[in-house]
Structures are given as structure tokens and as C-alpha cells.
Amino acid sequence: MLATDPNDLVVPFTAGWVIEPFPVNPDGGVGPDPADGKRLITLTTCSELFHTDDRMVAFGHLSSVQRKP
């Protein structure tokens, strides 16, 4: 399942799998489909306004390309 809302996936700051080229959630939960082979963008941020050791994560796919004129 692709995480489109950062609230769908909150991980500890040590969860390095989220920034792998082909991230796979070791818990089998939210994450991109590793079989689709599409380019990903991974967004990470703190999960709370003030100090926290958790990170919110969202994955996205390239949807279009436009050449510069």
C-alpha cells in the first residue's frame, strides 16, 4: 500500500528502510509496492511540532514530465 498521507506511516528515526532506493516495510505495513519499479520520491519530517524521535513518511511517484522551453 502506498502512503500518500504522512499520518499513515510514522516510524522511529532509526528506520533507514524508508530512504532505500526500493523501500520495503519490514513490518509488512504501509509502503510503496516494490514490484512496480517506478521512480519514487520519499518525504520525511518530524511527526510532532516539538521534539520527537519519530518521523512521518510519505511516498510518491513521478506522474509527468515537462521539458523546459
Foldseek 3Di string as FASTA:
>chain_A
DFFADLVQDKAFLPPPLQPDQQRDDPVNGHDDDSPVPFGKDKDWDDPDPDDDRMIGIGIDGDDDDDDDD
